[in-house]
């Protein structure tokens, strides 16, 4: 399925091993504690759903598309035993954004050793299934200079399947992304999610 979705994206975007940030934080390192507890509960719920298969494609979006360093586009398709797992995951994603819109994580290179993240719920894209769309931002400073990373995430529940499209993009020497940059991230995440959905429905 993801191979078919991949064919809808530019062939010149090469595979990458870079990992998108969603779900990679150790909840024990997150502050405040309310967010740490929330993320730990989400991870436990995911373990209990006992995914049958998870397939992933990670692509490098070239610097010519998103200068100066490019971005990482992550497509993931997970299948579960439960027929309503998709609805569960989408609802959980939306609830988590509402419950924990801001948090901090350790960042060894950042001044003070901490980076701050926040998420904003966005209108759901026009897809034929339950879905949740968010913007993600991480800010810090390194040697006194600002660094920002922005991204977009779309989670789609399709029966016992969950499709995720996520893009992450860093900009050194900036404290925020320009609207046109964030808009492109939003669009790419929605396009990638739609490609996965179309591949499943075909």
Protein backbone atom coordinates (compact mmCIF):
# COMPACT_ATOMS: atom_id res chain seq x y z
CA UNK A 1 0.00 0.00 0.00
CA UNK A 2 2.71 2.48 0.95
CA UNK A 3 4.64 1.65 -2.21
CA UNK A 4 1.58 2.69 -4.20
CA UNK A 5 1.23 5.87 -2.13
CA UNK A 6 4.92 6.58 -2.62
CA UNK A 7 4.44 6.62 -6.40
CA UNK A 8 2.23 9.68 -5.99
CA UNK A 9 5.17 11.70 -4.65
CA UNK A 10 8.18 12.99 -6.64
CA UNK A 11 10.53 10.17 -7.60
CA UNK A 12 13.52 12.39 -6.81
CA UNK A 13 12.75 12.40 -3.09
CA UNK A 14 15.17 9.79 -1.73
CA UNK A 15 14.64 7.47 1.25
CA UNK A 16 16.06 8.65 4.57
CA UNK A 17 16.66 7.13 8.00
CA UNK A 18 15.78 10.35 9.79
CA UNK A 19 13.03 9.72 12.35
CA UNK A 20 10.12 12.10 12.76
CA UNK A 21 9.57 13.24 16.32
CA UNK A 22 6.03 12.06 17.09
CA UNK A 23 5.99 9.33 19.69
CA UNK A 24 9.77 9.19 20.06
CA UNK A 25 10.02 11.02 23.39
CA UNK A 26 10.47 9.02 26.56
CA UNK A 27 7.45 10.12 28.63
CA UNK A 28 9.62 10.07 31.76
CA UNK A 29 11.65 13.00 30.37
CA UNK A 30 8.67 15.20 29.44
CA UNK A 31 7.60 18.19 31.51
CA UNK A 32 5.13 19.10 32.91
CA UNK A 33 4.20 15.87 34.65
CA UNK A 34 0.63 16.09 33.38
CA UNK A 35 1.93 15.78 29.82
CA UNK A 36 4.33 13.01 30.81
CA UNK A 37 1.42 11.07 32.31
CA UNK A 38 -0.70 11.68 29.22
CA UNK A 39 1.99 10.49 26.82
CA UNK A 40 2.65 7.43 28.97
CA UNK A 41 -1.06 6.57 28.88
CA UNK A 42 -1.10 6.95 25.08
CA UNK A 43 1.89 4.63 24.77
CA UNK A 44 0.25 2.07 27.06
CA UNK A 45 -2.98 2.21 25.05
CA UNK A 46 -0.98 1.66 21.85
CA UNK A 47 0.77 -1.36 23.36
CA UNK A 48 -2.60 -2.82 24.38
CA UNK A 49 -3.99 -2.40 20.87
CA UNK A 50 -1.26 -4.85 19.80
CA UNK A 51 -0.57 -3.77 16.23
CA UNK A 52 -0.41 -6.63 13.77
CA UNK A 53 1.73 -4.88 11.17
CA UNK A 54 3.38 -1.48 10.77
CA UNK A 55 4.79 -0.30 7.47
CA UNK A 56 6.78 2.90 7.05
CA UNK A 57 8.28 5.04 4.31
CA UNK A 58 10.60 7.94 5.17
CA UNK A 59 11.55 10.39 2.48
CA UNK A 60 13.88 13.34 2.26
CA UNK A 61 12.17 16.42 0.87
CA UNK A 62 15.00 18.23 -0.93
CA UNK A 63 16.32 21.64 0.05
CA UNK A 64 15.11 22.93 -3.30
CA UNK A 65 11.55 22.41 -2.05
CA UNK A 66 12.10 23.52 1.55
CA UNK A 67 15.37 25.46 1.88
CA UNK A 68 17.93 25.52 3.28
CA UNK A 69 18.11 22.00 4.74
CA UNK A 70 15.09 20.18 3.33
CA UNK A 71 12.60 18.23 5.42
CA UNK A 72 11.62 14.69 6.37
CA UNK A 73 8.30 13.19 5.24
CA UNK A 74 7.15 10.12 7.13
CA UNK A 75 4.33 7.83 5.95
CA UNK A 76 3.11 5.06 8.21
CA UNK A 77 0.33 2.47 7.98
CA UNK A 78 -0.53 0.36 11.01
CA UNK A 79 -3.06 -2.47 11.18
CA UNK A 80 -4.71 -3.70 14.39
CA UNK A 81 -6.92 -6.66 15.32
CA UNK A 82 -9.78 -4.43 16.48
CA UNK A 83 -12.23 -3.22 13.83
CA UNK A 84 -12.61 0.18 15.54
CA UNK A 85 -8.93 0.80 16.25
CA UNK A 86 -8.84 3.60 13.70
CA UNK A 87 -11.53 5.61 15.47
CA UNK A 88 -9.82 5.01 18.81
CA UNK A 89 -6.47 6.31 17.62
CA UNK A 90 -7.92 9.41 15.94
CA UNK A 91 -9.97 10.29 19.03
CA UNK A 92 -6.94 9.74 21.24
CA UNK A 93 -4.81 12.02 19.05
CA UNK A 94 -7.35 14.83 19.27
CA UNK A 95 -7.80 14.42 23.01
CA UNK A 96 -4.04 14.53 23.55
CA UNK A 97 -3.69 17.82 21.68
CA UNK A 98 -6.44 19.31 23.83
CA UNK A 99 -5.01 17.94 27.08
CA UNK A 100 -1.37 18.78 26.44
CA UNK A 101 -0.77 21.57 23.91
CA UNK A 102 2.66 22.54 25.33
CA UNK A 103 5.54 20.59 26.83
CA UNK A 104 9.32 20.46 27.03
CA UNK A 105 11.84 17.72 26.35
CA UNK A 106 15.58 17.33 26.94
CA UNK A 107 17.73 18.58 24.06
CA UNK A 108 21.48 18.08 24.57
CA UNK A 109 22.51 20.76 22.05
CA UNK A 110 20.07 23.41 23.26
CA UNK A 111 21.00 26.15 25.70
CA UNK A 112 19.83 24.97 29.08
CA UNK A 113 19.42 21.45 27.70
CA UNK A 114 15.71 21.90 26.98
CA UNK A 115 13.57 22.37 23.88
CA UNK A 116 9.94 23.50 24.00
CA UNK A 117 7.19 22.05 21.86
CA UNK A 118 3.61 22.99 21.21
CA UNK A 119 0.82 21.72 19.02
CA UNK A 120 -2.24 23.37 17.51
CA UNK A 121 -5.31 21.49 16.30
CA UNK A 122 -6.19 22.36 12.70
CA UNK A 123 -9.40 21.78 10.71
CA UNK A 124 -9.66 18.19 9.56
CA UNK A 125 -8.88 17.73 5.86
CA UNK A 126 -11.56 16.56 3.44
CA UNK A 127 -10.97 12.82 3.66
CA UNK A 128 -13.62 10.07 3.67
CA UNK A 129 -12.61 8.82 7.13
CA UNK A 130 -12.22 10.14 10.67
CA UNK A 131 -9.01 12.13 10.91
CA UNK A 132 -7.08 14.57 13.04
CA UNK A 133 -4.65 17.25 11.81
CA UNK A 134 -2.19 19.20 13.94
CA UNK A 135 0.69 21.63 13.57
CA UNK A 136 3.78 20.96 15.66
CA UNK A 137 6.51 23.45 16.59
CA UNK A 138 9.74 23.04 18.55
CA UNK A 139 11.87 26.00 19.60
CA UNK A 140 15.19 26.34 21.38
CA UNK A 141 18.43 28.27 21.18
CA UNK A 142 21.93 26.98 20.50
CA UNK A 143 24.89 29.14 21.53
CA UNK A 144 22.44 31.99 21.95
CA UNK A 145 21.02 31.68 18.42
CA UNK A 146 17.39 30.71 17.81
CA UNK A 147 16.41 27.43 16.18
CA UNK A 148 12.91 26.39 15.21
CA UNK A 149 11.48 23.18 13.80
CA UNK A 150 7.96 23.02 12.46
CA UNK A 151 5.80 20.26 11.16
CA UNK A 152 2.38 18.92 10.38
CA UNK A 153 0.72 15.63 11.29
CA UNK A 154 -2.37 13.94 9.87
CA UNK A 155 -3.80 10.80 11.50
CA UNK A 156 -6.54 8.91 9.64
CA UNK A 157 -8.60 6.02 11.03
CA UNK A 158 -9.71 3.52 8.38
CA UNK A 159 -11.45 0.65 10.15
CA UNK A 160 -8.72 -1.47 11.70
CA UNK A 161 -6.02 0.58 9.93
CA UNK A 162 -4.40 3.87 10.93
CA UNK A 163 -2.59 6.00 8.36
CA UNK A 164 -0.17 8.68 9.53
CA UNK A 165 1.54 11.33 7.45
CA UNK A 166 4.02 13.60 9.18
CA UNK A 167 6.53 16.15 7.99
CA UNK A 168 9.28 17.86 10.02
CA UNK A 169 11.32 20.87 8.91
CA UNK A 170 14.07 22.74 10.74
CA UNK A 171 15.18 26.37 10.32
CA UNK A 172 18.32 27.62 12.08
CA UNK A 173 18.63 31.27 13.10
CA UNK A 174 14.85 31.68 13.23
CA UNK A 175 12.37 31.69 16.10
CA UNK A 176 9.38 30.85 13.91
CA UNK A 177 8.48 29.61 10.44
CA UNK A 178 7.12 31.87 7.76
CA UNK A 179 3.42 31.34 6.95
CA UNK A 180 4.23 30.07 3.44
CA UNK A 181 6.62 27.47 4.89
CA UNK A 182 4.06 26.23 7.39
CA UNK A 183 1.41 26.22 4.69
CA UNK A 184 3.55 23.99 2.49
CA UNK A 185 4.12 21.59 5.40
CA UNK A 186 0.37 21.44 6.00
CA UNK A 187 -0.29 20.74 2.33
CA UNK A 188 2.35 18.02 2.02
CA UNK A 189 1.06 16.18 5.09
CA UNK A 190 -2.51 16.22 3.73
CA UNK A 191 -1.38 15.11 0.26
CA UNK A 192 0.61 12.22 1.74
CA UNK A 193 -2.32 11.14 3.94
CA UNK A 194 -4.68 11.24 0.96
CA UNK A 195 -2.27 9.09 -1.07
CA UNK A 196 -2.27 6.42 1.65
CA UNK A 197 -6.08 6.51 1.87
CA UNK A 198 -6.45 6.24 -1.90
CA UNK A 199 -4.03 3.31 -1.99
CA UNK A 200 -6.08 1.48 0.65
CA UNK A 201 -9.34 2.17 -1.16
CA UNK A 202 -8.09 1.12 -4.59
